[in-house]
Amino acid sequence: QINHCLCSNLGVTSLSCDDRKINSINQLFLAWAVMGSDLSLIILS
């Protein structure tokens, strides 16, 4: 049971029975690599 309206990464993986640390690290990496770089370019422009 997901306490959400959609399948968010952290919401889904929080239900897993094993270690989900790699999922959290990957989510953080993507946030910085994609959103972080995009926002930096926009601010610079």
All heavy atoms as atom14 arrays in JSON, in Angstrom:
{
  "sequence": "QINHCLCSNLGVTSLSCDDRKINSINQLFLAWAVMGSDLSLIILS",
  "atom14_mask": [
    [1, 1, 1, 1, 1, 1, 1, 1, 1, 0, 0, 0, 0, 0],
    [1, 1, 1, 1, 1, 1, 1, 1, 0, 0, 0, 0, 0, 0],
    [1, 1, 1, 1, 1, 1, 1, 1, 0, 0, 0, 0, 0, 0],
    [1, 1, 1, 1, 1, 1, 1, 1, 1, 1, 0, 0, 0, 0],
    [1, 1, 1, 1, 1, 1, 0, 0, 0, 0, 0, 0, 0, 0],
    [1, 1, 1, 1, 1, 1, 1, 1, 0, 0, 0, 0, 0, 0],
    [1, 1, 1, 1, 1, 1, 0, 0, 0, 0, 0, 0, 0, 0],
    [1, 1, 1, 1, 1, 1, 0, 0, 0, 0, 0, 0, 0, 0],
    [1, 1, 1, 1, 1, 1, 1, 1, 0, 0, 0, 0, 0, 0],
    [1, 1, 1, 1, 1, 1, 1, 1, 0, 0, 0, 0, 0, 0],
    [1, 1, 1, 1, 0, 0, 0, 0, 0, 0, 0, 0, 0, 0],
    [1, 1, 1, 1, 1, 1, 1, 0, 0, 0, 0, 0, 0, 0],
    [1, 1, 1, 1, 1, 1, 1, 0, 0, 0, 0, 0, 0, 0],
    [1, 1, 1, 1, 1, 1, 0, 0, 0, 0, 0, 0, 0, 0],
    [1, 1, 1, 1, 1, 1, 1, 1, 0, 0, 0, 0, 0, 0],
    [1, 1, 1, 1, 1, 1, 0, 0, 0, 0, 0, 0, 0, 0],
    [1, 1, 1, 1, 1, 1, 0, 0, 0, 0, 0, 0, 0, 0],
    [1, 1, 1, 1, 1, 1, 1, 1, 0, 0, 0, 0, 0, 0],
    [1, 1, 1, 1, 1, 1, 1, 1, 0, 0, 0, 0, 0, 0],
    [1, 1, 1, 1, 1, 1, 1, 1, 1, 1, 1, 0, 0, 0],
    [1, 1, 1, 1, 1, 1, 1, 1, 1, 0, 0, 0, 0, 0],
    [1, 1, 1, 1, 1, 1, 1, 1, 0, 0, 0, 0, 0, 0],
    [1, 1, 1, 1, 1, 1, 1, 1, 0, 0, 0, 0, 0, 0],
    [1, 1, 1, 1, 1, 1, 0, 0, 0, 0, 0, 0, 0, 0],
    [1, 1, 1, 1, 1, 1, 1, 1, 0, 0, 0, 0, 0, 0],
    [1, 1, 1, 1, 1, 1, 1, 1, 0, 0, 0, 0, 0, 0],
    [1, 1, 1, 1, 1, 1, 1, 1, 1, 0, 0, 0, 0, 0],
    [1, 1, 1, 1, 1, 1, 1, 1, 0, 0, 0, 0, 0, 0],
    [1, 1, 1, 1, 1, 1, 1, 1, 1, 1, 1, 0, 0, 0],
    [1, 1, 1, 1, 1, 1, 1, 1, 0, 0, 0, 0, 0, 0],
    [1, 1, 1, 1, 1, 0, 0, 0, 0, 0, 0, 0, 0, 0],
    [1, 1, 1, 1, 1, 1, 1, 1, 1, 1, 1, 1, 1, 1],
    [1, 1, 1, 1, 1, 0, 0, 0, 0, 0, 0, 0, 0, 0],
    [1, 1, 1, 1, 1, 1, 1, 0, 0, 0, 0, 0, 0, 0],
    [1, 1, 1, 1, 1, 1, 1, 1, 0, 0, 0, 0, 0, 0],
    [1, 1, 1, 1, 0, 0, 0, 0, 0, 0, 0, 0, 0, 0],
    [1, 1, 1, 1, 1, 1, 0, 0, 0, 0, 0, 0, 0, 0],
    [1, 1, 1, 1, 1, 1, 1, 1, 0, 0, 0, 0, 0, 0],
    [1, 1, 1, 1, 1, 1, 1, 1, 0, 0, 0, 0, 0, 0],
    [1, 1, 1, 1, 1, 1, 0, 0, 0, 0, 0, 0, 0, 0],
    [1, 1, 1, 1, 1, 1, 1, 1, 0, 0, 0, 0, 0, 0],
    [1, 1, 1, 1, 1, 1, 1, 1, 0, 0, 0, 0, 0, 0],
    [1, 1, 1, 1, 1, 1, 1, 1, 0, 0, 0, 0, 0, 0],
    [1, 1, 1, 1, 1, 1, 1, 1, 0, 0, 0, 0, 0, 0],
    [1, 1, 1, 1, 1, 1, 0, 0, 0, 0, 0, 0, 0, 0]
  ],
  "atom14_positions": [
    [[0.83, -1.2, 0.0], [0.0, 0.0, 0.0], [0.87, 1.25, 0.0], [1.68, 1.46, 0.9], [-0.94, 0.01, 1.2], [-1.99, -1.1, 1.17], [-3.0, -0.97, 2.29], [-2.75, -0.35, 3.31], [-4.17, -1.58, 2.1], [0.0, 0.0, 0.0], [0.0, 0.0, 0.0], [0.0, 0.0, 0.0], [0.0, 0.0, 0.0], [0.0, 0.0, 0.0]],
    [[0.69, 2.07, -1.04], [1.47, 3.31, -1.19], [0.58, 4.48, -0.8], [-0.49, 4.69, -1.37], [1.96, 3.49, -2.64], [2.76, 2.27, -3.1], [2.79, 4.75, -2.78], [3.11, 2.28, -4.57], [0.0, 0.0, 0.0], [0.0, 0.0, 0.0], [0.0, 0.0, 0.0], [0.0, 0.0, 0.0], [0.0, 0.0, 0.0], [0.0, 0.0, 0.0]],
    [[1.03, 5.25, 0.18], [0.26, 6.41, 0.65], [0.47, 7.59, -0.28], [0.99, 8.64, 0.11], [0.71, 6.76, 2.07], [-0.46, 7.16, 2.95], [-1.62, 7.07, 2.54], [-0.18, 7.6, 4.16], [0.0, 0.0, 0.0], [0.0, 0.0, 0.0], [0.0, 0.0, 0.0], [0.0, 0.0, 0.0], [0.0, 0.0, 0.0], [0.0, 0.0, 0.0]],
    [[0.06, 7.38, -1.53], [0.3, 8.39, -2.58], [-0.72, 8.18, -3.7], [-1.44, 7.18, -3.72], [1.73, 8.24, -3.12], [2.34, 9.53, -3.58], [1.73, 10.36, -4.5], [3.52, 10.13, -3.26], [2.5, 11.42, -4.71], [3.58, 11.31, -3.96], [0.0, 0.0, 0.0], [0.0, 0.0, 0.0], [0.0, 0.0, 0.0], [0.0, 0.0, 0.0]],
    [[-0.77, 9.16, -4.63], [-1.66, 9.04, -5.8], [-0.91, 8.54, -7.02], [-1.53, 8.23, -8.04], [-2.25, 10.4, -6.16], [-3.08, 11.2, -4.82], [0.0, 0.0, 0.0], [0.0, 0.0, 0.0], [0.0, 0.0, 0.0], [0.0, 0.0, 0.0], [0.0, 0.0, 0.0], [0.0, 0.0, 0.0], [0.0, 0.0, 0.0], [0.0, 0.0, 0.0]],
    [[0.42, 8.53, -6.94], [1.22, 8.11, -8.08], [2.42, 7.31, -7.6], [2.72, 7.27, -6.41], [1.65, 9.34, -8.9], [2.31, 10.5, -8.15], [3.8, 10.33, -8.06], [1.99, 11.83, -8.85], [0.0, 0.0, 0.0], [0.0, 0.0, 0.0], [0.0, 0.0, 0.0], [0.0, 0.0, 0.0], [0.0, 0.0, 0.0], [0.0, 0.0, 0.0]],
    [[3.12, 6.7, -8.55], [4.27, 5.85, -8.21], [5.55, 6.68, -8.15], [6.3, 6.76, -9.13], [4.41, 4.72, -9.23], [3.09, 3.5, -9.14], [0.0, 0.0, 0.0], [0.0, 0.0, 0.0], [0.0, 0.0, 0.0], [0.0, 0.0, 0.0], [0.0, 0.0, 0.0], [0.0, 0.0, 0.0], [0.0, 0.0, 0.0], [0.0, 0.0, 0.0]],
    [[5.76, 7.32, -7.02], [7.02, 8.06, -6.84], [8.11, 7.06, -6.45], [7.83, 6.04, -5.79], [6.86, 9.12, -5.75], [6.69, 8.53, -4.48], [0.0, 0.0, 0.0], [0.0, 0.0, 0.0], [0.0, 0.0, 0.0], [0.0, 0.0, 0.0], [0.0, 0.0, 0.0], [0.0, 0.0, 0.0], [0.0, 0.0, 0.0], [0.0, 0.0, 0.0]],
    [[9.32, 7.36, -6.81], [10.44, 6.45, -6.57], [10.6, 6.14, -5.09], [10.63, 4.96, -4.69], [11.73, 7.07, -7.14], [12.94, 6.17, -6.95], [12.81, 4.95, -6.94], [14.1, 6.76, -6.8], [0.0, 0.0, 0.0], [0.0, 0.0, 0.0], [0.0, 0.0, 0.0], [0.0, 0.0, 0.0], [0.0, 0.0, 0.0], [0.0, 0.0, 0.0]],
    [[10.67, 7.17, -4.26], [10.9, 6.96, -2.83], [9.69, 6.33, -2.16], [9.82, 5.53, -1.24], [11.24, 8.3, -2.16], [12.52, 8.98, -2.67], [12.75, 10.3, -1.97], [13.73, 8.06, -2.49], [0.0, 0.0, 0.0], [0.0, 0.0, 0.0], [0.0, 0.0, 0.0], [0.0, 0.0, 0.0], [0.0, 0.0, 0.0], [0.0, 0.0, 0.0]],
    [[8.48, 6.66, -2.64], [7.27, 6.08, -2.07], [7.18, 4.58, -2.33], [6.78, 3.81, -1.45], [0.0, 0.0, 0.0], [0.0, 0.0, 0.0], [0.0, 0.0, 0.0], [0.0, 0.0, 0.0], [0.0, 0.0, 0.0], [0.0, 0.0, 0.0], [0.0, 0.0, 0.0], [0.0, 0.0, 0.0], [0.0, 0.0, 0.0], [0.0, 0.0, 0.0]],
    [[7.57, 4.16, -3.53], [7.52, 2.75, -3.89], [8.63, 1.96, -3.18], [8.37, 0.92, -2.57], [7.62, 2.56, -5.42], [7.77, 1.08, -5.78], [6.39, 3.14, -6.11], [0.0, 0.0, 0.0], [0.0, 0.0, 0.0], [0.0, 0.0, 0.0], [0.0, 0.0, 0.0], [0.0, 0.0, 0.0], [0.0, 0.0, 0.0], [0.0, 0.0, 0.0]],
    [[9.85, 2.45, -3.27], [10.98, 1.7, -2.71], [10.95, 1.64, -1.19], [11.6, 0.78, -0.59], [12.33, 2.3, -3.18], [12.37, 3.7, -2.85], [12.5, 2.12, -4.68], [0.0, 0.0, 0.0], [0.0, 0.0, 0.0], [0.0, 0.0, 0.0], [0.0, 0.0, 0.0], [0.0, 0.0, 0.0], [0.0, 0.0, 0.0], [0.0, 0.0, 0.0]],
    [[10.19, 2.54, -0.56], [10.07, 2.49, 0.9], [9.34, 1.23, 1.36], [9.4, 0.84, 2.52], [9.35, 3.72, 1.43], [8.0, 3.75, 0.98], [0.0, 0.0, 0.0], [0.0, 0.0, 0.0], [0.0, 0.0, 0.0], [0.0, 0.0, 0.0], [0.0, 0.0, 0.0], [0.0, 0.0, 0.0], [0.0, 0.0, 0.0], [0.0, 0.0, 0.0]],
    [[8.63, 0.56, 0.43], [7.9, -0.68, 0.75], [8.79, -1.91, 0.63], [8.35, -3.01, 1.02], [6.71, -0.84, -0.21], [5.66, 0.27, -0.23], [4.59, -0.04, -1.26], [5.04, 0.46, 1.14], [0.0, 0.0, 0.0], [0.0, 0.0, 0.0], [0.0, 0.0, 0.0], [0.0, 0.0, 0.0], [0.0, 0.0, 0.0], [0.0, 0.0, 0.0]],
    [[9.98, -1.77, 0.11], [10.83, -2.94, -0.13], [11.34, -3.52, 1.19], [11.48, -2.82, 2.19], [12.02, -2.58, -1.02], [12.89, -1.69, -0.34], [0.0, 0.0, 0.0], [0.0, 0.0, 0.0], [0.0, 0.0, 0.0], [0.0, 0.0, 0.0], [0.0, 0.0, 0.0], [0.0, 0.0, 0.0], [0.0, 0.0, 0.0], [0.0, 0.0, 0.0]],
    [[11.61, -4.83, 1.14], [12.08, -5.53, 2.34], [13.6, -5.52, 2.46], [14.14, -5.9, 3.49], [11.6, -6.98, 2.32], [9.82, -7.14, 2.2], [0.0, 0.0, 0.0], [0.0, 0.0, 0.0], [0.0, 0.0, 0.0], [0.0, 0.0, 0.0], [0.0, 0.0, 0.0], [0.0, 0.0, 0.0], [0.0, 0.0, 0.0], [0.0, 0.0, 0.0]],
    [[14.28, -5.13, 1.39], [15.74, -5.12, 1.43], [16.26, -3.68, 1.43], [15.49, -2.72, 1.43], [16.33, -5.93, 0.26], [15.68, -5.55, -1.07], [14.8, -4.67, -1.09], [16.06, -6.13, -2.1], [0.0, 0.0, 0.0], [0.0, 0.0, 0.0], [0.0, 0.0, 0.0], [0.0, 0.0, 0.0], [0.0, 0.0, 0.0], [0.0, 0.0, 0.0]],
    [[17.56, -3.53, 1.41], [18.2, -2.22, 1.51], [17.94, -1.4, 0.24], [18.16, -1.87, -0.87], [19.71, -2.42, 1.71], [20.42, -1.09, 1.97], [19.74, -0.13, 2.37], [21.65, -1.03, 1.77], [0.0, 0.0, 0.0], [0.0, 0.0, 0.0], [0.0, 0.0, 0.0], [0.0, 0.0, 0.0], [0.0, 0.0, 0.0], [0.0, 0.0, 0.0]],
    [[17.47, -0.17, 0.43], [17.16, 0.71, -0.72], [18.09, 1.91, -0.77], [17.77, 2.92, -1.4], [15.71, 1.16, -0.66], [15.34, 1.97, 0.58], [13.85, 2.24, 0.64], [13.48, 3.01, 1.81], [13.33, 4.33, 1.82], [13.54, 5.03, 0.72], [12.97, 4.96, 2.94], [0.0, 0.0, 0.0], [0.0, 0.0, 0.0], [0.0, 0.0, 0.0]],
    [[19.25, 1.81, -0.13], [20.18, 2.93, -0.09], [20.63, 3.33, -1.5], [20.75, 4.51, -1.82], [21.41, 2.56, 0.75], [22.36, 3.72, 0.98], [23.57, 3.3, 1.8], [23.19, 2.98, 3.23], [24.36, 2.65, 4.07], [0.0, 0.0, 0.0], [0.0, 0.0, 0.0], [0.0, 0.0, 0.0], [0.0, 0.0, 0.0], [0.0, 0.0, 0.0]],
    [[20.85, 2.34, -2.37], [21.29, 2.63, -3.74], [20.24, 3.44, -4.5], [20.58, 4.31, -5.31], [21.61, 1.31, -4.51], [22.2, 1.61, -5.9], [20.38, 0.44, -4.63], [23.54, 2.28, -5.88], [0.0, 0.0, 0.0], [0.0, 0.0, 0.0], [0.0, 0.0, 0.0], [0.0, 0.0, 0.0], [0.0, 0.0, 0.0], [0.0, 0.0, 0.0]],
    [[18.95, 3.2, -4.22], [17.89, 3.96, -4.87], [17.92, 5.43, -4.45], [17.75, 6.32, -5.28], [16.52, 3.35, -4.52], [16.39, 1.91, -4.96], [16.92, 1.02, -4.33], [15.7, 1.67, -6.08], [0.0, 0.0, 0.0], [0.0, 0.0, 0.0], [0.0, 0.0, 0.0], [0.0, 0.0, 0.0], [0.0, 0.0, 0.0], [0.0, 0.0, 0.0]],
    [[18.13, 5.65, -3.16], [18.2, 7.03, -2.64], [19.4, 7.76, -3.19], [19.31, 8.93, -3.57], [18.25, 7.01, -1.11], [17.11, 6.37, -0.57], [0.0, 0.0, 0.0], [0.0, 0.0, 0.0], [0.0, 0.0, 0.0], [0.0, 0.0, 0.0], [0.0, 0.0, 0.0], [0.0, 0.0, 0.0], [0.0, 0.0, 0.0], [0.0, 0.0, 0.0]],
    [[20.54, 7.06, -3.27], [21.77, 7.68, -3.81], [21.57, 8.02, -5.28], [21.95, 9.1, -5.74], [22.98, 6.73, -3.63], [23.32, 6.58, -2.14], [24.2, 7.24, -4.4], [24.36, 5.51, -1.85], [0.0, 0.0, 0.0], [0.0, 0.0, 0.0], [0.0, 0.0, 0.0], [0.0, 0.0, 0.0], [0.0, 0.0, 0.0], [0.0, 0.0, 0.0]],
    [[20.96, 7.09, -6.03], [20.72, 7.31, -7.46], [19.77, 8.5, -7.68], [19.98, 9.32, -8.58], [20.13, 6.05, -8.09], [19.88, 6.21, -9.58], [20.81, 6.44, -10.36], [18.62, 6.1, -10.0], [0.0, 0.0, 0.0], [0.0, 0.0, 0.0], [0.0, 0.0, 0.0], [0.0, 0.0, 0.0], [0.0, 0.0, 0.0], [0.0, 0.0, 0.0]],
    [[18.72, 8.6, -6.85], [17.77, 9.71, -6.95], [18.48, 11.04, -6.7], [18.26, 12.03, -7.42], [16.65, 9.52, -5.92], [15.54, 10.56, -5.99], [14.55, 10.31, -7.11], [14.37, 9.17, -7.53], [13.94, 11.36, -7.61], [0.0, 0.0, 0.0], [0.0, 0.0, 0.0], [0.0, 0.0, 0.0], [0.0, 0.0, 0.0], [0.0, 0.0, 0.0]],
    [[19.35, 11.07, -5.69], [20.1, 12.28, -5.37], [21.06, 12.65, -6.49], [21.18, 13.83, -6.87], [20.86, 12.07, -4.06], [21.57, 13.29, -3.47], [20.56, 14.37, -3.1], [22.39, 12.9, -2.24], [0.0, 0.0, 0.0], [0.0, 0.0, 0.0], [0.0, 0.0, 0.0], [0.0, 0.0, 0.0], [0.0, 0.0, 0.0], [0.0, 0.0, 0.0]],
    [[21.74, 11.64, -7.04], [22.66, 11.88, -8.15], [21.95, 12.47, -9.36], [22.42, 13.43, -9.96], [23.36, 10.57, -8.54], [24.13, 10.66, -9.83], [25.34, 11.33, -9.91], [23.62, 10.08, -11.01], [26.03, 11.43, -11.11], [24.3, 10.17, -12.2], [25.51, 10.85, -12.26], [0.0, 0.0, 0.0], [0.0, 0.0, 0.0], [0.0, 0.0, 0.0]],
    [[20.8, 11.88, -9.73], [20.04, 12.37, -10.88], [19.56, 13.8, -10.66], [19.57, 14.63, -11.58], [18.85, 11.46, -11.16], [19.13, 10.13, -11.84], [17.85, 9.31, -11.96], [19.75, 10.33, -13.21], [0.0, 0.0, 0.0], [0.0, 0.0, 0.0], [0.0, 0.0, 0.0], [0.0, 0.0, 0.0], [0.0, 0.0, 0.0], [0.0, 0.0, 0.0]],
    [[19.12, 14.08, -9.43], [18.64, 15.43, -9.11], [19.73, 16.47, -9.33], [19.5, 17.52, -9.93], [18.14, 15.48, -7.66], [0.0, 0.0, 0.0], [0.0, 0.0, 0.0], [0.0, 0.0, 0.0], [0.0, 0.0, 0.0], [0.0, 0.0, 0.0], [0.0, 0.0, 0.0], [0.0, 0.0, 0.0], [0.0, 0.0, 0.0], [0.0, 0.0, 0.0]],
    [[20.93, 16.16, -8.88], [22.05, 17.1, -9.04], [22.56, 17.12, -10.47], [22.87, 18.18, -11.02], [23.19, 16.75, -8.07], [22.94, 17.21, -6.68], [22.58, 16.45, -5.61], [22.99, 18.56, -6.2], [22.4, 17.24, -4.49], [22.65, 18.54, -4.83], [23.28, 19.79, -6.81], [22.6, 19.69, -4.04], [23.23, 20.94, -6.03], [22.9, 20.89, -4.67]],
    [[22.66, 15.95, -11.1], [23.23, 15.86, -12.45], [22.31, 16.5, -13.49], [22.79, 17.16, -14.42], [23.48, 14.4, -12.81], [0.0, 0.0, 0.0], [0.0, 0.0, 0.0], [0.0, 0.0, 0.0], [0.0, 0.0, 0.0], [0.0, 0.0, 0.0], [0.0, 0.0, 0.0], [0.0, 0.0, 0.0], [0.0, 0.0, 0.0], [0.0, 0.0, 0.0]],
    [[21.0, 16.32, -13.36], [20.05, 16.85, -14.34], [19.52, 18.21, -13.92], [19.79, 19.23, -14.56], [18.89, 15.86, -14.57], [17.88, 16.44, -15.54], [19.42, 14.53, -15.11], [0.0, 0.0, 0.0], [0.0, 0.0, 0.0], [0.0, 0.0, 0.0], [0.0, 0.0, 0.0], [0.0, 0.0, 0.0], [0.0, 0.0, 0.0], [0.0, 0.0, 0.0]],
    [[18.76, 18.24, -12.83], [18.15, 19.49, -12.38], [19.19, 20.52, -11.95], [19.08, 21.71, -12.25], [17.18, 19.23, -11.22], [16.02, 18.35, -11.59], [14.95, 19.1, -12.84], [13.77, 17.81, -13.09], [0.0, 0.0, 0.0], [0.0, 0.0, 0.0], [0.0, 0.0, 0.0], [0.0, 0.0, 0.0], [0.0, 0.0, 0.0], [0.0, 0.0, 0.0]],
    [[20.2, 20.05, -11.23], [21.24, 20.96, -10.74], [21.99, 21.64, -11.88], [22.2, 22.86, -11.87], [0.0, 0.0, 0.0], [0.0, 0.0, 0.0], [0.0, 0.0, 0.0], [0.0, 0.0, 0.0], [0.0, 0.0, 0.0], [0.0, 0.0, 0.0], [0.0, 0.0, 0.0], [0.0, 0.0, 0.0], [0.0, 0.0, 0.0], [0.0, 0.0, 0.0]],
    [[22.39, 20.83, -12.89], [23.12, 21.41, -14.03], [22.23, 22.34, -14.85], [22.67, 23.4, -15.3], [23.68, 20.29, -14.92], [22.63, 19.48, -15.43], [0.0, 0.0, 0.0], [0.0, 0.0, 0.0], [0.0, 0.0, 0.0], [0.0, 0.0, 0.0], [0.0, 0.0, 0.0], [0.0, 0.0, 0.0], [0.0, 0.0, 0.0], [0.0, 0.0, 0.0]],
    [[20.96, 21.95, -15.03], [20.03, 22.8, -15.79], [19.81, 24.13, -15.1], [19.86, 25.2, -15.74], [18.68, 22.09, -15.96], [18.73, 20.96, -16.97], [19.77, 20.8, -17.63], [17.73, 20.22, -17.1], [0.0, 0.0, 0.0], [0.0, 0.0, 0.0], [0.0, 0.0, 0.0], [0.0, 0.0, 0.0], [0.0, 0.0, 0.0], [0.0, 0.0, 0.0]],
    [[19.56, 24.08, -13.8], [19.32, 25.32, -13.04], [20.55, 26.21, -13.04], [20.44, 27.44, -13.15], [18.91, 24.97, -11.61], [18.46, 26.15, -10.73], [17.3, 26.9, -11.36], [18.07, 25.66, -9.34], [0.0, 0.0, 0.0], [0.0, 0.0, 0.0], [0.0, 0.0, 0.0], [0.0, 0.0, 0.0], [0.0, 0.0, 0.0], [0.0, 0.0, 0.0]],
    [[21.74, 25.6, -12.98], [22.99, 26.39, -13.02], [23.13, 27.12, -14.35], [23.51, 28.3, -14.39], [24.19, 25.47, -12.79], [24.13, 24.85, -11.54], [0.0, 0.0, 0.0], [0.0, 0.0, 0.0], [0.0, 0.0, 0.0], [0.0, 0.0, 0.0], [0.0, 0.0, 0.0], [0.0, 0.0, 0.0], [0.0, 0.0, 0.0], [0.0, 0.0, 0.0]],
    [[22.83, 26.43, -15.46], [22.9, 27.05, -16.78], [21.88, 28.19, -16.93], [22.17, 29.23, -17.52], [22.67, 26.0, -17.87], [23.82, 25.04, -18.15], [23.36, 23.92, -19.09], [25.01, 25.78, -18.76], [0.0, 0.0, 0.0], [0.0, 0.0, 0.0], [0.0, 0.0, 0.0], [0.0, 0.0, 0.0], [0.0, 0.0, 0.0], [0.0, 0.0, 0.0]],
    [[20.69, 27.98, -16.37], [19.65, 29.01, -16.45], [20.06, 30.25, -15.65], [19.94, 31.38, -16.13], [18.3, 28.46, -15.93], [17.75, 27.43, -16.92], [17.28, 29.58, -15.74], [16.57, 26.62, -16.39], [0.0, 0.0, 0.0], [0.0, 0.0, 0.0], [0.0, 0.0, 0.0], [0.0, 0.0, 0.0], [0.0, 0.0, 0.0], [0.0, 0.0, 0.0]],
    [[20.56, 30.03, -14.43], [21.02, 31.15, -13.59], [22.15, 31.9, -14.28], [22.17, 33.14, -14.29], [21.45, 30.64, -12.2], [20.24, 30.14, -11.41], [22.17, 31.74, -11.42], [20.59, 29.43, -10.12], [0.0, 0.0, 0.0], [0.0, 0.0, 0.0], [0.0, 0.0, 0.0], [0.0, 0.0, 0.0], [0.0, 0.0, 0.0], [0.0, 0.0, 0.0]],
    [[23.09, 31.16, -14.87], [24.22, 31.77, -15.57], [23.74, 32.6, -16.75], [24.2, 33.74, -16.97], [25.18, 30.67, -16.05], [26.57, 31.11, -16.52], [27.34, 31.77, -15.39], [27.35, 29.91, -17.06], [0.0, 0.0, 0.0], [0.0, 0.0, 0.0], [0.0, 0.0, 0.0], [0.0, 0.0, 0.0], [0.0, 0.0, 0.0], [0.0, 0.0, 0.0]],
    [[22.8, 32.06, -17.53], [22.26, 32.78, -18.69], [21.61, 34.08, -18.27], [21.85, 35.14, -18.88], [21.23, 31.91, -19.43], [21.81, 30.75, -19.96], [0.0, 0.0, 0.0], [0.0, 0.0, 0.0], [0.0, 0.0, 0.0], [0.0, 0.0, 0.0], [0.0, 0.0, 0.0], [0.0, 0.0, 0.0], [0.0, 0.0, 0.0], [0.0, 0.0, 0.0]]
  ]
}
